Amino acid sequence: MASHTSISSSRTRSRASPLPHQVVCYHNEVAPLRVVRYDGPTKGKHFYGCSYWLRTCGFFKWLDEVDDVRKLQQIVGERDCQIAELNAEKDELKEKIIRFKAKKEKLVDEVEEMGIATTETMFELKENKKDKKLMLALVFSWAFFTLVLFMK
């Protein structure tokens, strides 16, 4: 088909977001409206072709097929918005994970400190028990000694 067509539109390329009524090619650029100039069954028929027509893109749609393309482009645009929203949500969740990991590390440190304090307290309690036992043993030994002295 390319050999039977001629380009008859401006070659302005748009890098800005296309308007809803515009057709974009595979490069995501506005595809200009063109007219078939050569003799044949399609002479005078309008079509959209890429600004890079006949070089790289190869985008081609007849004017009467554009509604289907626009619907598909709208769907793609909606999907792009959904992807952007999901990416933003993903970034927020990553930040949340970072905050939770920091909080977890802080809690782990606090638990370790509490474990050390608990161990120290247990040693103190054991020492206190030993002191109590020694005191009790001393009292009983004095009582026994006193009893032995009085029995003599």
C-alpha atoms as a PDB file:
ATOM      1  CA  MET A   1       0.000   0.000   0.000  1.00  0.00           C
ATOM      2  CA  ALA A   2       2.855   2.330   0.689  1.00  0.00           C
ATOM      3  CA  SER A   3       3.749   2.391  -3.016  1.00  0.00           C
ATOM      4  CA  HIS A   4       0.247   3.637  -3.875  1.00  0.00           C
ATOM      5  CA  THR A   5       0.127   6.431  -1.344  1.00  0.00           C
ATOM      6  CA  SER A   6       1.460   9.926  -1.188  1.00  0.00           C
ATOM      7  CA  ILE A   7       2.011  12.105   1.813  1.00  0.00           C
ATOM      8  CA  SER A   8       0.048  15.335   1.732  1.00  0.00           C
ATOM      9  CA  SER A   9       0.030  16.829   5.193  1.00  0.00           C
ATOM     10  CA  SER A  10       2.243  18.923   7.378  1.00  0.00           C
ATOM     11  CA  ARG A  11       5.172  17.155   8.948  1.00  0.00           C
ATOM     12  CA  THR A  12       4.814  18.723  12.369  1.00  0.00           C
ATOM     13  CA  ARG A  13       5.750  16.306  15.086  1.00  0.00           C
ATOM     14  CA  SER A  14       4.151  16.639  18.461  1.00  0.00           C
ATOM     15  CA  ARG A  15       5.994  15.520  21.580  1.00  0.00           C
ATOM     16  CA  ALA A  16       3.200  16.847  23.815  1.00  0.00           C
ATOM     17  CA  SER A  17       0.338  14.669  24.975  1.00  0.00           C
ATOM     18  CA  PRO A  18      -2.072  14.090  22.100  1.00  0.00           C
ATOM     19  CA  LEU A  19      -5.549  15.532  22.312  1.00  0.00           C
ATOM     20  CA  PRO A  20      -8.424  13.042  22.649  1.00  0.00           C
ATOM     21  CA  HIS A  21      -9.460  13.519  19.018  1.00  0.00           C
ATOM     22  CA  GLN A  22      -5.941  12.945  17.681  1.00  0.00           C
ATOM     23  CA  VAL A  23      -4.503   9.643  16.566  1.00  0.00           C
ATOM     24  CA  VAL A  24      -1.053   8.667  17.741  1.00  0.00           C
ATOM     25  CA  CYS A  25       1.368   6.271  16.090  1.00  0.00           C
ATOM     26  CA  TYR A  26       3.631   3.631  17.594  1.00  0.00           C
ATOM     27  CA  HIS A  27       6.110   6.386  18.582  1.00  0.00           C
ATOM     28  CA  ASN A  28       3.348   7.991  20.670  1.00  0.00           C
ATOM     29  CA  GLU A  29       3.372  11.026  18.392  1.00  0.00           C
ATOM     30  CA  VAL A  30       0.453  12.616  16.586  1.00  0.00           C
ATOM     31  CA  ALA A  31      -0.116  10.847  13.279  1.00  0.00           C
ATOM     32  CA  PRO A  32      -1.029  13.413  10.601  1.00  0.00           C
ATOM     33  CA  LEU A  33      -4.040  12.924   8.349  1.00  0.00           C
ATOM     34  CA  ARG A  34      -2.949  12.124   4.785  1.00  0.00           C
ATOM     35  CA  VAL A  35      -4.662  11.566   1.399  1.00  0.00           C
ATOM     36  CA  VAL A  36      -3.970   8.934  -1.244  1.00  0.00           C
ATOM     37  CA  ARG A  37      -2.885  10.882  -4.392  1.00  0.00           C
ATOM     38  CA  TYR A  38      -2.089   8.076  -6.798  1.00  0.00           C
ATOM     39  CA  ASP A  39      -4.635   6.653  -9.208  1.00  0.00           C
ATOM     40  CA  GLY A  40      -6.337   3.532  -8.028  1.00  0.00           C
ATOM     41  CA  PRO A  41      -9.324   2.341  -6.056  1.00  0.00           C
ATOM     42  CA  THR A  42      -8.206   4.225  -2.920  1.00  0.00           C
ATOM     43  CA  LYS A  43      -7.434   7.572  -4.585  1.00  0.00           C
ATOM     44  CA  GLY A  44      -8.704  10.454  -2.435  1.00  0.00           C
ATOM     45  CA  LYS A  45      -9.189   8.224   0.589  1.00  0.00           C
ATOM     46  CA  HIS A  46      -7.947   9.704   3.879  1.00  0.00           C
ATOM     47  CA  PHE A  47      -5.619   7.845   6.225  1.00  0.00           C
ATOM     48  CA  TYR A  48      -3.410   8.460   9.222  1.00  0.00           C
ATOM     49  CA  GLY A  49       0.275   7.743   8.869  1.00  0.00           C
ATOM     50  CA  CYS A  50       3.235   8.240  11.162  1.00  0.00           C
ATOM     51  CA  SER A  51       5.323  11.409  10.901  1.00  0.00           C
ATOM     52  CA  TYR A  52       8.161   9.030  10.088  1.00  0.00           C
ATOM     53  CA  TRP A  53       6.056   7.530   7.308  1.00  0.00           C
ATOM     54  CA  LEU A  54       7.915   5.138   5.023  1.00  0.00           C
ATOM     55  CA  ARG A  55      11.033   5.250   7.223  1.00  0.00           C
ATOM     56  CA  THR A  56      10.581   3.342  10.473  1.00  0.00           C
ATOM     57  CA  CYS A  57       7.220   3.271  12.185  1.00  0.00           C
ATOM     58  CA  GLY A  58       4.862   1.969   9.544  1.00  0.00           C
ATOM     59  CA  PHE A  59       1.762   3.117  11.425  1.00  0.00           C
ATOM     60  CA  PHE A  60      -1.217   3.231   9.047  1.00  0.00           C
ATOM     61  CA  LYS A  61      -4.962   3.517   9.648  1.00  0.00           C
ATOM     62  CA  TRP A  62      -7.726   4.491   7.285  1.00  0.00           C
ATOM     63  CA  LEU A  63      -9.792   7.421   8.517  1.00  0.00           C
ATOM     64  CA  ASP A  64     -12.909   5.243   8.819  1.00  0.00           C
ATOM     65  CA  GLU A  65     -11.012   2.788  11.065  1.00  0.00           C
ATOM     66  CA  VAL A  66      -9.916   5.477  13.516  1.00  0.00           C
ATOM     67  CA  ASP A  67     -12.724   4.992  16.031  1.00  0.00           C
ATOM     68  CA  ASP A  68     -11.382   1.516  16.807  1.00  0.00           C
ATOM     69  CA  VAL A  69      -7.884   2.933  17.222  1.00  0.00           C
ATOM     70  CA  ARG A  70      -9.111   5.727  19.474  1.00  0.00           C
ATOM     71  CA  LYS A  71     -10.938   3.224  21.665  1.00  0.00           C
ATOM     72  CA  LEU A  72      -7.796   1.138  21.965  1.00  0.00           C
ATOM     73  CA  GLN A  73      -5.690   4.217  22.655  1.00  0.00           C
ATOM     74  CA  GLN A  74      -8.152   5.265  25.349  1.00  0.00           C
ATOM     75  CA  ILE A  75      -7.887   1.826  26.932  1.00  0.00           C
ATOM     76  CA  VAL A  76      -4.092   2.043  26.783  1.00  0.00           C
ATOM     77  CA  GLY A  77      -4.241   5.509  28.358  1.00  0.00           C
ATOM     78  CA  GLU A  78      -6.458   4.228  31.159  1.00  0.00           C
ATOM     79  CA  ARG A  79      -4.098   1.311  31.737  1.00  0.00           C
ATOM     80  CA  ASP A  80      -1.152   3.719  31.837  1.00  0.00           C
ATOM     81  CA  CYS A  81      -2.974   5.723  34.523  1.00  0.00           C
ATOM     82  CA  GLN A  82      -3.653   2.547  36.493  1.00  0.00           C
ATOM     83  CA  ILE A  83       0.001   1.541  36.184  1.00  0.00           C
ATOM     84  CA  ALA A  84       1.092   4.979  37.403  1.00  0.00           C
ATOM     85  CA  GLU A  85      -1.288   4.745  40.371  1.00  0.00           C
ATOM     86  CA  LEU A  86      -0.060   1.242  41.207  1.00  0.00           C
ATOM     87  CA  ASN A  87       3.561   2.386  40.963  1.00  0.00           C
ATOM     88  CA  ALA A  88       2.803   5.259  43.348  1.00  0.00           C
ATOM     89  CA  GLU A  89       1.103   2.819  45.719  1.00  0.00           C
ATOM     90  CA  LYS A  90       4.092   0.479  45.421  1.00  0.00           C
ATOM     91  CA  ASP A  91       6.457   3.337  46.322  1.00  0.00           C
ATOM     92  CA  GLU A  92       4.305   4.203  49.348  1.00  0.00           C
ATOM     93  CA  LEU A  93       4.353   0.561  50.451  1.00  0.00           C
ATOM     94  CA  LYS A  94       8.141   0.445  50.054  1.00  0.00           C
ATOM     95  CA  GLU A  95       8.412   3.498  52.320  1.00  0.00           C
ATOM     96  CA  LYS A  96       6.088   1.816  54.807  1.00  0.00           C
ATOM     97  CA  ILE A  97       8.260  -1.304  54.764  1.00  0.00           C
ATOM     98  CA  ILE A  98      11.349   0.805  55.431  1.00  0.00           C
ATOM     99  CA  ARG A  99       9.609   2.461  58.387  1.00  0.00           C
ATOM    100  CA  PHE A 100       8.439  -0.921  59.743  1.00  0.00           C
ATOM    101  CA  LYS A 101      11.947  -2.392  59.412  1.00  0.00           C
ATOM    102  CA  ALA A 102      13.384   0.559  61.341  1.00  0.00           C
ATOM    103  CA  LYS A 103      10.699   0.137  64.011  1.00  0.00           C
ATOM    104  CA  LYS A 104      11.419  -3.597  64.172  1.00  0.00           C
ATOM    105  CA  GLU A 105      15.151  -2.970  64.640  1.00  0.00           C
ATOM    106  CA  LYS A 106      14.382  -0.504  67.425  1.00  0.00           C
ATOM    107  CA  LEU A 107      12.084  -3.028  69.125  1.00  0.00           C
ATOM    108  CA  VAL A 108      14.693  -5.795  68.775  1.00  0.00           C
ATOM    109  CA  ASP A 109      17.248  -3.526  70.446  1.00  0.00           C
ATOM    110  CA  GLU A 110      14.786  -2.742  73.254  1.00  0.00           C
ATOM    111  CA  VAL A 111      14.028  -6.448  73.753  1.00  0.00           C
ATOM    112  CA  GLU A 112      17.758  -7.215  73.905  1.00  0.00           C
ATOM    113  CA  GLU A 113      18.213  -4.481  76.518  1.00  0.00           C
ATOM    114  CA  MET A 114      15.258  -5.853  78.472  1.00  0.00           C
ATOM    115  CA  GLY A 115      16.751  -9.343  78.296  1.00  0.00           C
ATOM    116  CA  ILE A 116      20.052  -8.075  79.655  1.00  0.00           C
ATOM    117  CA  ALA A 117      18.253  -6.180  82.439  1.00  0.00           C
ATOM    118  CA  THR A 118      16.180  -9.262  83.249  1.00  0.00           C
ATOM    119  CA  THR A 119      19.283 -11.432  83.422  1.00  0.00           C
ATOM    120  CA  GLU A 120      20.966  -8.934  85.735  1.00  0.00           C
ATOM    121  CA  THR A 121      17.864  -8.824  87.930  1.00  0.00           C
ATOM    122  CA  MET A 122      17.758 -12.608  88.101  1.00  0.00           C
ATOM    123  CA  PHE A 123      21.406 -12.709  89.186  1.00  0.00           C
ATOM    124  CA  GLU A 124      20.633 -10.116  91.864  1.00  0.00           C
ATOM    125  CA  LEU A 125      17.681 -12.175  93.049  1.00  0.00           C
ATOM    126  CA  LYS A 126      19.810 -15.303  93.180  1.00  0.00           C
ATOM    127  CA  GLU A 127      22.456 -13.432  95.156  1.00  0.00           C
ATOM    128  CA  ASN A 128      19.746 -12.172  97.479  1.00  0.00           C
ATOM    129  CA  LYS A 129      18.519 -15.751  97.950  1.00  0.00           C
ATOM    130  CA  LYS A 130      22.062 -16.852  98.718  1.00  0.00           C
ATOM    131  CA  ASP A 131      22.399 -13.987 101.190  1.00  0.00           C
ATOM    132  CA  LYS A 132      19.116 -14.989 102.831  1.00  0.00           C
ATOM    133  CA  LYS A 133      20.219 -18.616 102.995  1.00  0.00           C
ATOM    134  CA  LEU A 134      23.562 -17.623 104.467  1.00  0.00           C
ATOM    135  CA  MET A 135      21.854 -15.387 106.994  1.00  0.00           C
ATOM    136  CA  LEU A 136      19.453 -18.193 107.894  1.00  0.00           C
ATOM    137  CA  ALA A 137      22.347 -20.671 108.155  1.00  0.00           C
ATOM    138  CA  LEU A 138      24.234 -18.220 110.382  1.00  0.00           C
ATOM    139  CA  VAL A 139      21.213 -17.731 112.652  1.00  0.00           C
ATOM    140  CA  PHE A 140      20.682 -21.487 112.947  1.00  0.00           C
ATOM    141  CA  SER A 141      24.374 -22.068 113.581  1.00  0.00           C
ATOM    142  CA  TRP A 142      24.337 -19.426 116.378  1.00  0.00           C
ATOM    143  CA  ALA A 143      21.208 -20.987 117.779  1.00  0.00           C
ATOM    144  CA  PHE A 144      22.786 -24.437 117.658  1.00  0.00           C
ATOM    145  CA  PHE A 145      26.010 -23.120 119.190  1.00  0.00           C
ATOM    146  CA  THR A 146      24.050 -21.418 121.943  1.00  0.00           C
ATOM    147  CA  LEU A 147      22.043 -24.563 122.565  1.00  0.00           C
ATOM    148  CA  VAL A 148      25.200 -26.654 122.741  1.00  0.00           C
ATOM    149  CA  LEU A 149      26.754 -24.185 125.213  1.00  0.00           C
ATOM    150  CA  PHE A 150      23.714 -24.299 127.499  1.00  0.00           C
ATOM    151  CA  MET A 151      23.613 -28.066 127.478  1.00  0.00           C
ATOM    152  CA  LYS A 152      27.090 -28.418 128.844  1.00  0.00           C
END
